[in-house]
């Protein structure tokens, strides 16, 4: 059975930058992750991951996207705020986030969409690995087409999560959207 790494064995990012500093290939690999000596990463305290916004981006949308602002942190208000999507349009999910304390590896996006309590869609996407940095990352998922027709026009509830490779849930949010004849409906 493989040994598990305990929380006590994890080191802060600057300490990882100093380890094996003489190994060139390891230094290049660390640099690709954003781990470089003297670099100022994200916040030394606070959450590992902070999600700023989740957007449904479409060329036909007003201002190019409909956005769910996640800065408030008020989960209940976000859950009640319903985004409207025009039926039959192509769109993709985009989210903006900041990585705080340490490198996040194997970040996955999991989303389950339900209509009337019955699951109608599940999306799982590997997002990647990210190092702490001051400026936010923006990640776009694959393009999807919104359903169309009278039967598709309804309100859908969504549960979106970001999970790392240790199966630790870093973000979990319920929200909703409505398929309508037009964006402003």
N, C-alpha and C. Protein backbone atom coordinates (compact mmCIF):
# COMPACT_ATOMS: atom_id res chain seq x y z
N UNK A 1 0.85 -1.18 0.00
CA UNK A 1 0.00 0.00 0.00
C UNK A 1 0.89 1.24 0.00
N UNK A 2 0.58 2.19 -0.85
CA UNK A 2 1.38 3.40 -0.97
C UNK A 2 1.20 4.27 0.27
N UNK A 3 2.28 4.93 0.65
CA UNK A 3 2.21 5.85 1.79
C UNK A 3 1.51 7.12 1.34
N UNK A 4 0.68 7.66 2.19
CA UNK A 4 -0.01 8.91 1.90
C UNK A 4 0.81 10.07 2.46
N UNK A 5 0.79 11.17 1.77
CA UNK A 5 1.45 12.38 2.25
C UNK A 5 0.52 13.03 3.25
N UNK A 6 1.03 13.34 4.42
CA UNK A 6 0.18 13.98 5.42
C UNK A 6 0.26 15.49 5.28
N UNK A 7 -0.72 16.19 5.83
CA UNK A 7 -0.73 17.64 5.82
C UNK A 7 0.53 18.21 6.43
N UNK A 8 1.09 17.51 7.45
CA UNK A 8 2.28 18.01 8.13
C UNK A 8 3.49 18.03 7.20
N UNK A 9 3.51 17.18 6.17
CA UNK A 9 4.65 17.11 5.27
C UNK A 9 4.62 18.18 4.19
N UNK A 10 3.47 18.83 3.97
CA UNK A 10 3.38 19.86 2.95
C UNK A 10 4.18 21.08 3.37
N UNK A 11 4.89 21.64 2.40
CA UNK A 11 5.71 22.81 2.67
C UNK A 11 5.12 24.02 1.94
N UNK A 12 5.41 25.22 2.42
CA UNK A 12 4.95 26.40 1.69
C UNK A 12 5.68 26.50 0.35
N UNK A 13 5.05 27.15 -0.62
CA UNK A 13 5.60 27.25 -1.98
C UNK A 13 7.02 27.81 -2.01
N UNK A 14 7.37 28.88 -1.26
CA UNK A 14 8.75 29.38 -1.32
C UNK A 14 9.79 28.32 -0.89
N UNK A 15 9.41 27.45 0.04
CA UNK A 15 10.34 26.41 0.48
C UNK A 15 10.57 25.39 -0.64
N UNK A 16 9.52 25.07 -1.40
CA UNK A 16 9.68 24.17 -2.54
C UNK A 16 10.62 24.77 -3.58
N UNK A 17 10.58 26.09 -3.74
CA UNK A 17 11.44 26.76 -4.72
C UNK A 17 12.91 26.58 -4.37
N UNK A 18 13.24 26.51 -3.08
CA UNK A 18 14.63 26.38 -2.64
C UNK A 18 15.15 24.95 -2.70
N UNK A 19 14.24 23.96 -2.68
CA UNK A 19 14.66 22.56 -2.69
C UNK A 19 15.32 22.20 -4.02
N UNK A 20 16.41 21.49 -3.97
CA UNK A 20 17.11 21.02 -5.16
C UNK A 20 17.36 22.13 -6.16
N UNK A 21 17.78 23.29 -5.69
CA UNK A 21 17.97 24.46 -6.55
C UNK A 21 19.03 24.23 -7.62
N UNK A 22 19.97 23.29 -7.39
CA UNK A 22 21.05 23.05 -8.35
C UNK A 22 20.62 22.15 -9.52
N UNK A 23 19.49 21.52 -9.45
CA UNK A 23 19.01 20.63 -10.51
C UNK A 23 18.28 21.46 -11.58
N UNK A 24 18.91 21.61 -12.77
CA UNK A 24 18.36 22.48 -13.82
C UNK A 24 16.99 22.02 -14.33
N UNK A 25 16.86 20.73 -14.60
CA UNK A 25 15.58 20.25 -15.15
C UNK A 25 14.46 20.40 -14.13
N UNK A 26 14.78 20.16 -12.87
CA UNK A 26 13.78 20.34 -11.81
C UNK A 26 13.42 21.82 -11.66
N UNK A 27 14.42 22.69 -11.80
CA UNK A 27 14.16 24.13 -11.72
C UNK A 27 13.24 24.58 -12.86
N UNK A 28 13.45 24.04 -14.09
CA UNK A 28 12.57 24.38 -15.22
C UNK A 28 11.15 23.89 -14.97
N UNK A 29 11.03 22.68 -14.42
CA UNK A 29 9.70 22.12 -14.14
C UNK A 29 8.99 22.98 -13.09
N UNK A 30 9.73 23.36 -12.03
CA UNK A 30 9.14 24.20 -10.99
C UNK A 30 8.72 25.55 -11.57
N UNK A 31 9.55 26.10 -12.46
CA UNK A 31 9.22 27.39 -13.08
C UNK A 31 7.94 27.27 -13.91
N UNK A 32 7.74 26.12 -14.57
CA UNK A 32 6.51 25.93 -15.36
C UNK A 32 5.28 25.92 -14.46
N UNK A 33 5.46 25.55 -13.20
CA UNK A 33 4.36 25.57 -12.23
C UNK A 33 4.26 26.92 -11.52
N UNK A 34 5.21 27.82 -11.80
CA UNK A 34 5.20 29.11 -11.14
C UNK A 34 5.93 29.13 -9.82
N UNK A 35 6.70 28.07 -9.54
CA UNK A 35 7.45 27.98 -8.29
C UNK A 35 8.87 28.43 -8.58
N UNK A 36 9.16 29.68 -8.31
CA UNK A 36 10.50 30.22 -8.53
C UNK A 36 10.96 30.95 -7.28
N UNK A 37 12.26 30.88 -6.98
CA UNK A 37 12.75 31.57 -5.78
C UNK A 37 12.46 33.06 -5.84
N UNK A 38 11.97 33.60 -4.76
CA UNK A 38 11.71 35.04 -4.66
C UNK A 38 10.42 35.50 -5.30
N UNK A 39 9.68 34.58 -5.93
CA UNK A 39 8.42 34.98 -6.57
C UNK A 39 7.36 35.22 -5.51
N UNK A 40 6.58 36.24 -5.73
CA UNK A 40 5.47 36.47 -4.80
C UNK A 40 4.25 35.80 -5.38
N UNK A 41 3.77 34.81 -4.68
CA UNK A 41 2.61 34.05 -5.15
C UNK A 41 1.34 34.71 -4.70
N UNK A 42 0.36 33.90 -4.45
CA UNK A 42 -0.93 34.40 -3.97
C UNK A 42 -0.83 34.73 -2.50
N UNK A 43 -1.96 34.81 -1.88
CA UNK A 43 -2.02 35.14 -0.46
C UNK A 43 -1.40 34.04 0.38
N UNK A 44 -0.66 34.43 1.42
CA UNK A 44 -0.04 33.45 2.31
C UNK A 44 -1.09 32.80 3.21
N UNK A 45 -2.18 33.49 3.41
CA UNK A 45 -3.28 32.93 4.20
C UNK A 45 -4.54 33.00 3.36
N UNK A 46 -5.59 32.43 3.87
CA UNK A 46 -6.85 32.47 3.14
C UNK A 46 -7.09 31.17 2.40
N UNK A 47 -8.10 31.16 1.55
CA UNK A 47 -8.47 29.93 0.86
C UNK A 47 -7.44 29.52 -0.20
N UNK A 48 -7.38 28.22 -0.47
CA UNK A 48 -6.50 27.72 -1.52
C UNK A 48 -6.96 28.23 -2.88
N UNK A 49 -8.28 28.39 -3.02
CA UNK A 49 -8.86 28.81 -4.28
C UNK A 49 -10.00 29.77 -4.01
N UNK A 50 -10.02 30.88 -4.74
CA UNK A 50 -11.12 31.84 -4.61
C UNK A 50 -11.69 32.05 -6.01
N UNK A 51 -12.96 31.71 -6.16
CA UNK A 51 -13.64 31.90 -7.43
C UNK A 51 -14.26 33.29 -7.45
N UNK A 52 -13.98 34.05 -8.52
CA UNK A 52 -14.48 35.42 -8.63
C UNK A 52 -15.79 35.48 -9.41
N UNK A 53 -15.85 34.73 -10.52
CA UNK A 53 -17.07 34.76 -11.33
C UNK A 53 -17.19 33.50 -12.17
N UNK A 54 -18.43 33.22 -12.56
CA UNK A 54 -18.73 32.14 -13.47
C UNK A 54 -19.59 32.75 -14.57
N UNK A 55 -19.19 32.57 -15.82
CA UNK A 55 -19.89 33.21 -16.93
C UNK A 55 -20.32 32.19 -17.97
N UNK A 56 -21.42 32.48 -18.61
CA UNK A 56 -21.86 31.74 -19.78
C UNK A 56 -21.60 32.67 -20.96
N UNK A 57 -20.58 32.37 -21.75
CA UNK A 57 -20.10 33.25 -22.81
C UNK A 57 -20.68 32.82 -24.15
N UNK A 58 -21.29 33.77 -24.87
CA UNK A 58 -21.86 33.50 -26.18
C UNK A 58 -21.74 34.76 -27.03
N UNK A 59 -21.49 34.57 -28.32
CA UNK A 59 -21.38 35.70 -29.23
C UNK A 59 -22.69 36.47 -29.34
N UNK A 60 -23.81 35.81 -29.07
CA UNK A 60 -25.11 36.47 -29.19
C UNK A 60 -25.62 37.06 -27.88
N UNK A 61 -24.91 36.85 -26.80
CA UNK A 61 -25.35 37.35 -25.49
C UNK A 61 -25.13 38.85 -25.37
N UNK A 62 -25.97 39.53 -24.58
CA UNK A 62 -25.71 40.95 -24.31
C UNK A 62 -24.34 41.09 -23.63
N UNK A 63 -23.53 41.98 -24.11
CA UNK A 63 -22.16 42.18 -23.60
C UNK A 63 -21.29 40.94 -23.75
N UNK A 64 -21.71 39.98 -24.56
CA UNK A 64 -20.90 38.78 -24.82
C UNK A 64 -20.99 37.68 -23.79
N UNK A 65 -21.63 37.94 -22.65
CA UNK A 65 -21.72 36.91 -21.60
C UNK A 65 -22.78 37.28 -20.57
N UNK A 66 -23.28 36.26 -19.90
CA UNK A 66 -24.09 36.48 -18.70
C UNK A 66 -23.25 35.92 -17.56
N UNK A 67 -23.10 36.73 -16.51
CA UNK A 67 -22.13 36.41 -15.47
C UNK A 67 -22.79 36.31 -14.10
N UNK A 68 -22.32 35.32 -13.36
CA UNK A 68 -22.71 35.13 -11.97
C UNK A 68 -21.54 35.63 -11.13
N UNK A 69 -21.72 36.76 -10.44
CA UNK A 69 -20.65 37.34 -9.62
C UNK A 69 -20.57 36.57 -8.31
N UNK A 70 -19.43 35.95 -8.06
CA UNK A 70 -19.25 35.12 -6.86
C UNK A 70 -18.46 35.83 -5.77
N UNK A 71 -18.14 37.10 -5.97
CA UNK A 71 -17.34 37.86 -5.01
C UNK A 71 -18.03 38.05 -3.67
N UNK A 72 -19.36 38.16 -3.69
CA UNK A 72 -20.09 38.45 -2.45
C UNK A 72 -19.95 37.33 -1.43
N UNK A 73 -19.81 36.10 -1.92
CA UNK A 73 -19.70 34.97 -1.01
C UNK A 73 -21.02 34.56 -0.38
N UNK A 74 -22.10 35.23 -0.74
CA UNK A 74 -23.42 34.92 -0.19
C UNK A 74 -24.03 33.79 -1.02
N UNK A 75 -23.84 32.56 -0.59
CA UNK A 75 -24.26 31.38 -1.34
C UNK A 75 -25.76 31.36 -1.59
N UNK A 76 -26.56 31.79 -0.63
CA UNK A 76 -28.02 31.77 -0.79
C UNK A 76 -28.47 32.78 -1.85
N UNK A 77 -27.86 33.97 -1.86
CA UNK A 77 -28.22 34.97 -2.86
C UNK A 77 -27.83 34.49 -4.25
N UNK A 78 -26.66 33.86 -4.36
CA UNK A 78 -26.20 33.34 -5.65
C UNK A 78 -27.14 32.23 -6.12
N UNK A 79 -27.57 31.41 -5.20
CA UNK A 79 -28.47 30.30 -5.53
C UNK A 79 -29.80 30.80 -6.08
N UNK A 80 -30.27 31.94 -5.57
CA UNK A 80 -31.56 32.49 -6.00
C UNK A 80 -31.46 33.32 -7.28
N UNK A 81 -30.26 33.79 -7.64
CA UNK A 81 -30.05 34.60 -8.83
C UNK A 81 -30.06 33.69 -10.06
N UNK A 82 -31.06 33.81 -10.91
CA UNK A 82 -31.21 32.93 -12.08
C UNK A 82 -30.69 33.62 -13.34
N UNK A 83 -29.75 32.98 -14.03
CA UNK A 83 -29.25 33.48 -15.30
C UNK A 83 -30.20 33.05 -16.41
N UNK A 84 -30.37 33.89 -17.43
CA UNK A 84 -31.23 33.54 -18.56
C UNK A 84 -30.36 33.27 -19.78
N UNK A 85 -30.63 32.13 -20.43
CA UNK A 85 -29.89 31.74 -21.63
C UNK A 85 -30.90 31.62 -22.77
N UNK A 86 -30.54 32.17 -23.93
CA UNK A 86 -31.40 32.05 -25.10
C UNK A 86 -31.33 30.62 -25.62
N UNK A 87 -32.48 30.06 -25.96
CA UNK A 87 -32.53 28.68 -26.45
C UNK A 87 -31.76 28.52 -27.76
N UNK A 88 -31.08 27.39 -27.92
CA UNK A 88 -30.41 27.04 -29.16
C UNK A 88 -29.08 27.72 -29.44
N UNK A 89 -28.59 28.58 -28.55
CA UNK A 89 -27.33 29.28 -28.83
C UNK A 89 -26.13 28.43 -28.39
N UNK A 90 -25.01 28.70 -29.03
CA UNK A 90 -23.76 28.07 -28.58
C UNK A 90 -23.15 28.96 -27.50
N UNK A 91 -22.65 28.34 -26.46
CA UNK A 91 -22.04 29.07 -25.35
C UNK A 91 -20.97 28.18 -24.73
N UNK A 92 -20.13 28.79 -23.93
CA UNK A 92 -19.21 28.00 -23.11
C UNK A 92 -19.14 28.60 -21.72
N UNK A 93 -18.86 27.74 -20.76
CA UNK A 93 -18.71 28.17 -19.37
C UNK A 93 -17.29 28.68 -19.19
N UNK A 94 -17.17 29.80 -18.53
CA UNK A 94 -15.87 30.40 -18.25
C UNK A 94 -15.87 30.82 -16.78
N UNK A 95 -14.76 30.59 -16.11
CA UNK A 95 -14.68 31.07 -14.74
C UNK A 95 -13.33 31.69 -14.45
N UNK A 96 -13.37 32.63 -13.52
CA UNK A 96 -12.20 33.42 -13.14
C UNK A 96 -11.91 33.10 -11.68
N UNK A 97 -10.65 32.72 -11.40
CA UNK A 97 -10.30 32.32 -10.04
C UNK A 97 -8.87 32.68 -9.71
N UNK A 98 -8.59 32.75 -8.42
CA UNK A 98 -7.25 33.03 -7.92
C UNK A 98 -6.81 31.86 -7.04
N UNK A 99 -5.56 31.47 -7.20
CA UNK A 99 -4.98 30.41 -6.37
C UNK A 99 -4.20 31.08 -5.26
N UNK A 100 -4.44 30.65 -4.02
CA UNK A 100 -3.84 31.31 -2.87
C UNK A 100 -2.55 30.70 -2.37
N UNK A 101 -2.64 29.74 -1.46
CA UNK A 101 -1.52 29.31 -0.64
C UNK A 101 -0.52 28.39 -1.31
N UNK A 102 -0.97 27.45 -2.12
CA UNK A 102 -0.07 26.41 -2.62
C UNK A 102 -0.50 25.98 -4.01
N UNK A 103 0.37 25.24 -4.68
CA UNK A 103 0.07 24.73 -6.01
C UNK A 103 -1.14 23.80 -5.93
N UNK A 104 -2.09 24.01 -6.81
CA UNK A 104 -3.25 23.13 -6.91
C UNK A 104 -3.04 22.23 -8.11
N UNK A 105 -2.96 20.94 -7.86
CA UNK A 105 -2.74 20.03 -8.98
C UNK A 105 -3.98 19.20 -9.24
N UNK A 106 -4.18 18.88 -10.50
CA UNK A 106 -5.30 18.03 -10.89
C UNK A 106 -6.65 18.64 -10.62
N UNK A 107 -6.80 19.94 -10.83
CA UNK A 107 -8.07 20.61 -10.57
C UNK A 107 -9.12 20.15 -11.59
N UNK A 108 -10.28 19.71 -11.09
CA UNK A 108 -11.37 19.22 -11.94
C UNK A 108 -12.63 20.03 -11.69
N UNK A 109 -13.38 20.25 -12.76
CA UNK A 109 -14.68 20.93 -12.69
C UNK A 109 -15.75 19.88 -12.88
N UNK A 110 -16.69 19.81 -11.95
CA UNK A 110 -17.80 18.86 -12.03
C UNK A 110 -19.09 19.65 -11.87
N UNK A 111 -20.01 19.43 -12.81
CA UNK A 111 -21.27 20.17 -12.78
C UNK A 111 -22.43 19.23 -13.11
N UNK A 112 -23.46 19.27 -12.29
CA UNK A 112 -24.66 18.48 -12.51
C UNK A 112 -25.83 19.44 -12.69
N UNK A 113 -26.56 19.29 -13.80
CA UNK A 113 -27.72 20.12 -14.10
C UNK A 113 -28.97 19.27 -13.91
N UNK A 114 -29.94 19.83 -13.17
CA UNK A 114 -31.20 19.11 -12.92
C UNK A 114 -32.38 19.97 -13.34
N UNK A 115 -33.42 19.27 -13.79
CA UNK A 115 -34.70 19.94 -14.10
C UNK A 115 -35.76 19.20 -13.32
N UNK A 116 -36.41 19.90 -12.43
CA UNK A 116 -37.43 19.27 -11.60
C UNK A 116 -36.86 18.18 -10.71
N UNK A 117 -35.61 18.33 -10.30
CA UNK A 117 -34.97 17.36 -9.42
C UNK A 117 -34.38 16.15 -10.14
N UNK A 118 -34.56 16.06 -11.45
CA UNK A 118 -34.05 14.93 -12.23
C UNK A 118 -32.80 15.37 -12.98
N UNK A 119 -31.66 14.66 -12.81
CA UNK A 119 -30.44 15.03 -13.54
C UNK A 119 -30.64 14.92 -15.05
N UNK A 120 -30.28 15.99 -15.77
CA UNK A 120 -30.40 15.99 -17.23
C UNK A 120 -29.05 16.15 -17.92
N UNK A 121 -28.02 16.57 -17.17
CA UNK A 121 -26.69 16.74 -17.77
C UNK A 121 -25.64 16.69 -16.67
N UNK A 122 -24.49 16.10 -17.01
CA UNK A 122 -23.35 16.11 -16.10
C UNK A 122 -22.11 16.42 -16.91
N UNK A 123 -21.34 17.39 -16.43
CA UNK A 123 -20.10 17.78 -17.09
C UNK A 123 -18.95 17.54 -16.14
N UNK A 124 -17.92 16.87 -16.62
CA UNK A 124 -16.68 16.71 -15.87
C UNK A 124 -15.55 17.15 -16.79
N UNK A 125 -14.72 18.06 -16.32
CA UNK A 125 -13.61 18.56 -17.13
C UNK A 125 -12.36 18.71 -16.28
N UNK A 126 -11.24 18.22 -16.80
CA UNK A 126 -9.95 18.42 -16.15
C UNK A 126 -9.51 19.84 -16.48
N UNK A 127 -9.25 20.62 -15.45
CA UNK A 127 -8.88 22.02 -15.63
C UNK A 127 -7.36 22.16 -15.71
N UNK A 128 -6.63 21.44 -14.85
CA UNK A 128 -5.17 21.49 -14.86
C UNK A 128 -4.59 21.76 -13.49
N UNK A 129 -3.33 22.12 -13.49
CA UNK A 129 -2.61 22.46 -12.26
C UNK A 129 -2.24 23.93 -12.29
N UNK A 130 -2.34 24.58 -11.14
CA UNK A 130 -2.13 26.02 -11.08
C UNK A 130 -1.31 26.39 -9.86
N UNK A 131 -0.42 27.35 -10.04
CA UNK A 131 0.41 27.82 -8.93
C UNK A 131 -0.17 29.13 -8.39
N UNK A 132 0.21 29.46 -7.16
CA UNK A 132 -0.26 30.73 -6.59
C UNK A 132 0.28 31.91 -7.39
N UNK A 133 -0.56 32.88 -7.62
CA UNK A 133 -0.13 34.13 -8.25
C UNK A 133 -1.16 35.19 -7.94
N UNK A 134 -0.73 36.43 -8.03
CA UNK A 134 -1.60 37.54 -7.67
C UNK A 134 -2.75 37.76 -8.62
N UNK A 135 -2.50 37.61 -9.93
CA UNK A 135 -3.56 37.86 -10.90
C UNK A 135 -4.42 36.61 -11.12
N UNK A 136 -5.68 36.80 -11.41
CA UNK A 136 -6.58 35.65 -11.56
C UNK A 136 -6.34 34.86 -12.85
N UNK A 137 -6.66 33.59 -12.78
CA UNK A 137 -6.68 32.73 -13.95
C UNK A 137 -8.08 32.80 -14.54
N UNK A 138 -8.19 32.64 -15.86
CA UNK A 138 -9.49 32.53 -16.52
C UNK A 138 -9.47 31.24 -17.31
N UNK A 139 -10.43 30.39 -17.06
CA UNK A 139 -10.49 29.08 -17.71
C UNK A 139 -11.80 28.95 -18.47
N UNK A 140 -11.71 28.49 -19.72
CA UNK A 140 -12.89 28.30 -20.57
C UNK A 140 -13.10 26.81 -20.80
N UNK A 141 -14.33 26.36 -20.68
CA UNK A 141 -14.66 24.97 -20.96
C UNK A 141 -15.11 24.85 -22.42
N UNK A 142 -15.36 23.63 -22.85
CA UNK A 142 -15.76 23.39 -24.24
C UNK A 142 -17.11 24.02 -24.55
N UNK A 143 -17.29 24.35 -25.82
CA UNK A 143 -18.53 24.95 -26.28
C UNK A 143 -19.67 23.93 -26.25
N UNK A 144 -20.83 24.40 -25.80
CA UNK A 144 -22.03 23.58 -25.74
C UNK A 144 -23.15 24.32 -26.46
N UNK A 145 -24.21 23.60 -26.79
CA UNK A 145 -25.38 24.24 -27.38
C UNK A 145 -26.54 24.12 -26.41
N UNK A 146 -27.17 25.25 -26.14
CA UNK A 146 -28.34 25.25 -25.24
C UNK A 146 -29.49 24.52 -25.93
N UNK A 147 -30.26 23.75 -25.17
CA UNK A 147 -31.40 23.07 -25.78
C UNK A 147 -32.42 24.10 -26.29
N UNK A 148 -33.25 23.67 -27.24
CA UNK A 148 -34.25 24.60 -27.77
C UNK A 148 -35.59 23.88 -27.90
N UNK A 149 -36.62 24.68 -28.06
CA UNK A 149 -37.97 24.15 -28.19
C UNK A 149 -38.78 24.38 -26.94
N UNK A 150 -40.07 24.23 -27.09
CA UNK A 150 -40.99 24.51 -25.99
C UNK A 150 -40.70 23.65 -24.76
N UNK A 151 -40.35 22.39 -24.96
CA UNK A 151 -40.10 21.51 -23.82
C UNK A 151 -38.81 21.85 -23.08
N UNK A 152 -37.87 22.47 -23.77
CA UNK A 152 -36.59 22.83 -23.13
C UNK A 152 -36.69 24.11 -22.32
N UNK A 153 -37.67 24.95 -22.63
CA UNK A 153 -37.80 26.23 -21.91
C UNK A 153 -38.27 25.97 -20.49
N UNK A 154 -37.36 26.15 -19.56
CA UNK A 154 -37.64 25.89 -18.14
C UNK A 154 -36.50 26.45 -17.31
N UNK A 155 -36.64 26.32 -16.01
CA UNK A 155 -35.57 26.70 -15.08
C UNK A 155 -34.86 25.43 -14.64
N UNK A 156 -33.55 25.48 -14.64
CA UNK A 156 -32.70 24.35 -14.29
C UNK A 156 -31.88 24.70 -13.06
N UNK A 157 -31.70 23.75 -12.17
CA UNK A 157 -30.83 23.96 -11.01
C UNK A 157 -29.49 23.29 -11.29
N UNK A 158 -28.43 23.92 -10.83
CA UNK A 158 -27.08 23.48 -11.14
C UNK A 158 -26.27 23.39 -9.85
N UNK A 159 -25.44 22.37 -9.76
CA UNK A 159 -24.45 22.30 -8.69
C UNK A 159 -23.09 22.17 -9.36
N UNK A 160 -22.24 23.17 -9.14
CA UNK A 160 -20.90 23.19 -9.72
C UNK A 160 -19.88 23.04 -8.62
N UNK A 161 -18.83 22.27 -8.90
CA UNK A 161 -17.77 22.05 -7.91
C UNK A 161 -16.41 22.06 -8.58
N UNK A 162 -15.41 22.49 -7.83
CA UNK A 162 -14.01 22.36 -8.23
C UNK A 162 -13.33 21.47 -7.19
N UNK A 163 -12.69 20.41 -7.66
CA UNK A 163 -12.09 19.40 -6.79
C UNK A 163 -10.65 19.19 -7.22
N UNK A 164 -9.73 19.06 -6.25
CA UNK A 164 -8.33 18.81 -6.61
C UNK A 164 -8.06 17.32 -6.70
N UNK A 165 -6.81 16.96 -6.99
CA UNK A 165 -6.47 15.55 -7.19
C UNK A 165 -6.49 14.73 -5.90
N UNK A 166 -6.61 15.40 -4.75
CA UNK A 166 -6.77 14.70 -3.47
C UNK A 166 -8.24 14.53 -3.12
N UNK A 167 -9.12 14.82 -4.08
CA UNK A 167 -10.58 14.78 -3.89
C UNK A 167 -11.07 15.74 -2.82
N UNK A 168 -10.34 16.81 -2.62
CA UNK A 168 -10.76 17.86 -1.69
C UNK A 168 -11.60 18.87 -2.47
N UNK A 169 -12.80 19.13 -2.00
CA UNK A 169 -13.68 20.10 -2.66
C UNK A 169 -13.23 21.51 -2.27
N UNK A 170 -12.81 22.27 -3.28
CA UNK A 170 -12.30 23.62 -3.05
C UNK A 170 -13.38 24.68 -3.26
N UNK A 171 -14.40 24.33 -4.03
CA UNK A 171 -15.52 25.24 -4.28
C UNK A 171 -16.74 24.40 -4.61
N UNK A 172 -17.86 24.76 -4.03
CA UNK A 172 -19.11 24.03 -4.24
C UNK A 172 -20.24 25.06 -4.19
N UNK A 173 -20.94 25.22 -5.31
CA UNK A 173 -21.97 26.26 -5.37
C UNK A 173 -23.18 25.76 -6.16
N UNK A 174 -24.35 26.02 -5.62
CA UNK A 174 -25.60 25.76 -6.34
C UNK A 174 -26.06 27.07 -6.94
N UNK A 175 -26.59 27.01 -8.15
CA UNK A 175 -27.11 28.18 -8.85
C UNK A 175 -28.15 27.70 -9.85
N UNK A 176 -28.74 28.61 -10.61
CA UNK A 176 -29.77 28.19 -11.56
C UNK A 176 -29.72 29.04 -12.82
N UNK A 177 -30.27 28.46 -13.89
CA UNK A 177 -30.42 29.20 -15.13
C UNK A 177 -31.76 28.85 -15.76
N UNK A 178 -32.19 29.74 -16.66
CA UNK A 178 -33.47 29.55 -17.32
C UNK A 178 -33.23 29.59 -18.82
N UNK A 179 -33.78 28.60 -19.54
CA UNK A 179 -33.76 28.62 -21.00
C UNK A 179 -35.01 29.37 -21.44
N UNK A 180 -34.82 30.42 -22.25
CA UNK A 180 -35.94 31.25 -22.69
C UNK A 180 -35.82 31.52 -24.19
N UNK A 181 -36.86 32.16 -24.75
CA UNK A 181 -36.85 32.47 -26.19
C UNK A 181 -35.77 33.49 -26.53
N UNK A 182 -35.45 34.36 -25.59
CA UNK A 182 -34.45 35.39 -25.84
C UNK A 182 -33.64 35.63 -24.57
N UNK A 183 -32.53 36.34 -24.70
CA UNK A 183 -31.64 36.61 -23.57
C UNK A 183 -32.34 37.41 -22.48
N UNK A 184 -33.13 38.39 -22.84
CA UNK A 184 -33.73 39.30 -21.85
C UNK A 184 -35.03 38.78 -21.26
N UNK A 185 -35.50 37.63 -21.71
CA UNK A 185 -36.82 37.14 -21.27
C UNK A 185 -36.87 36.84 -19.80
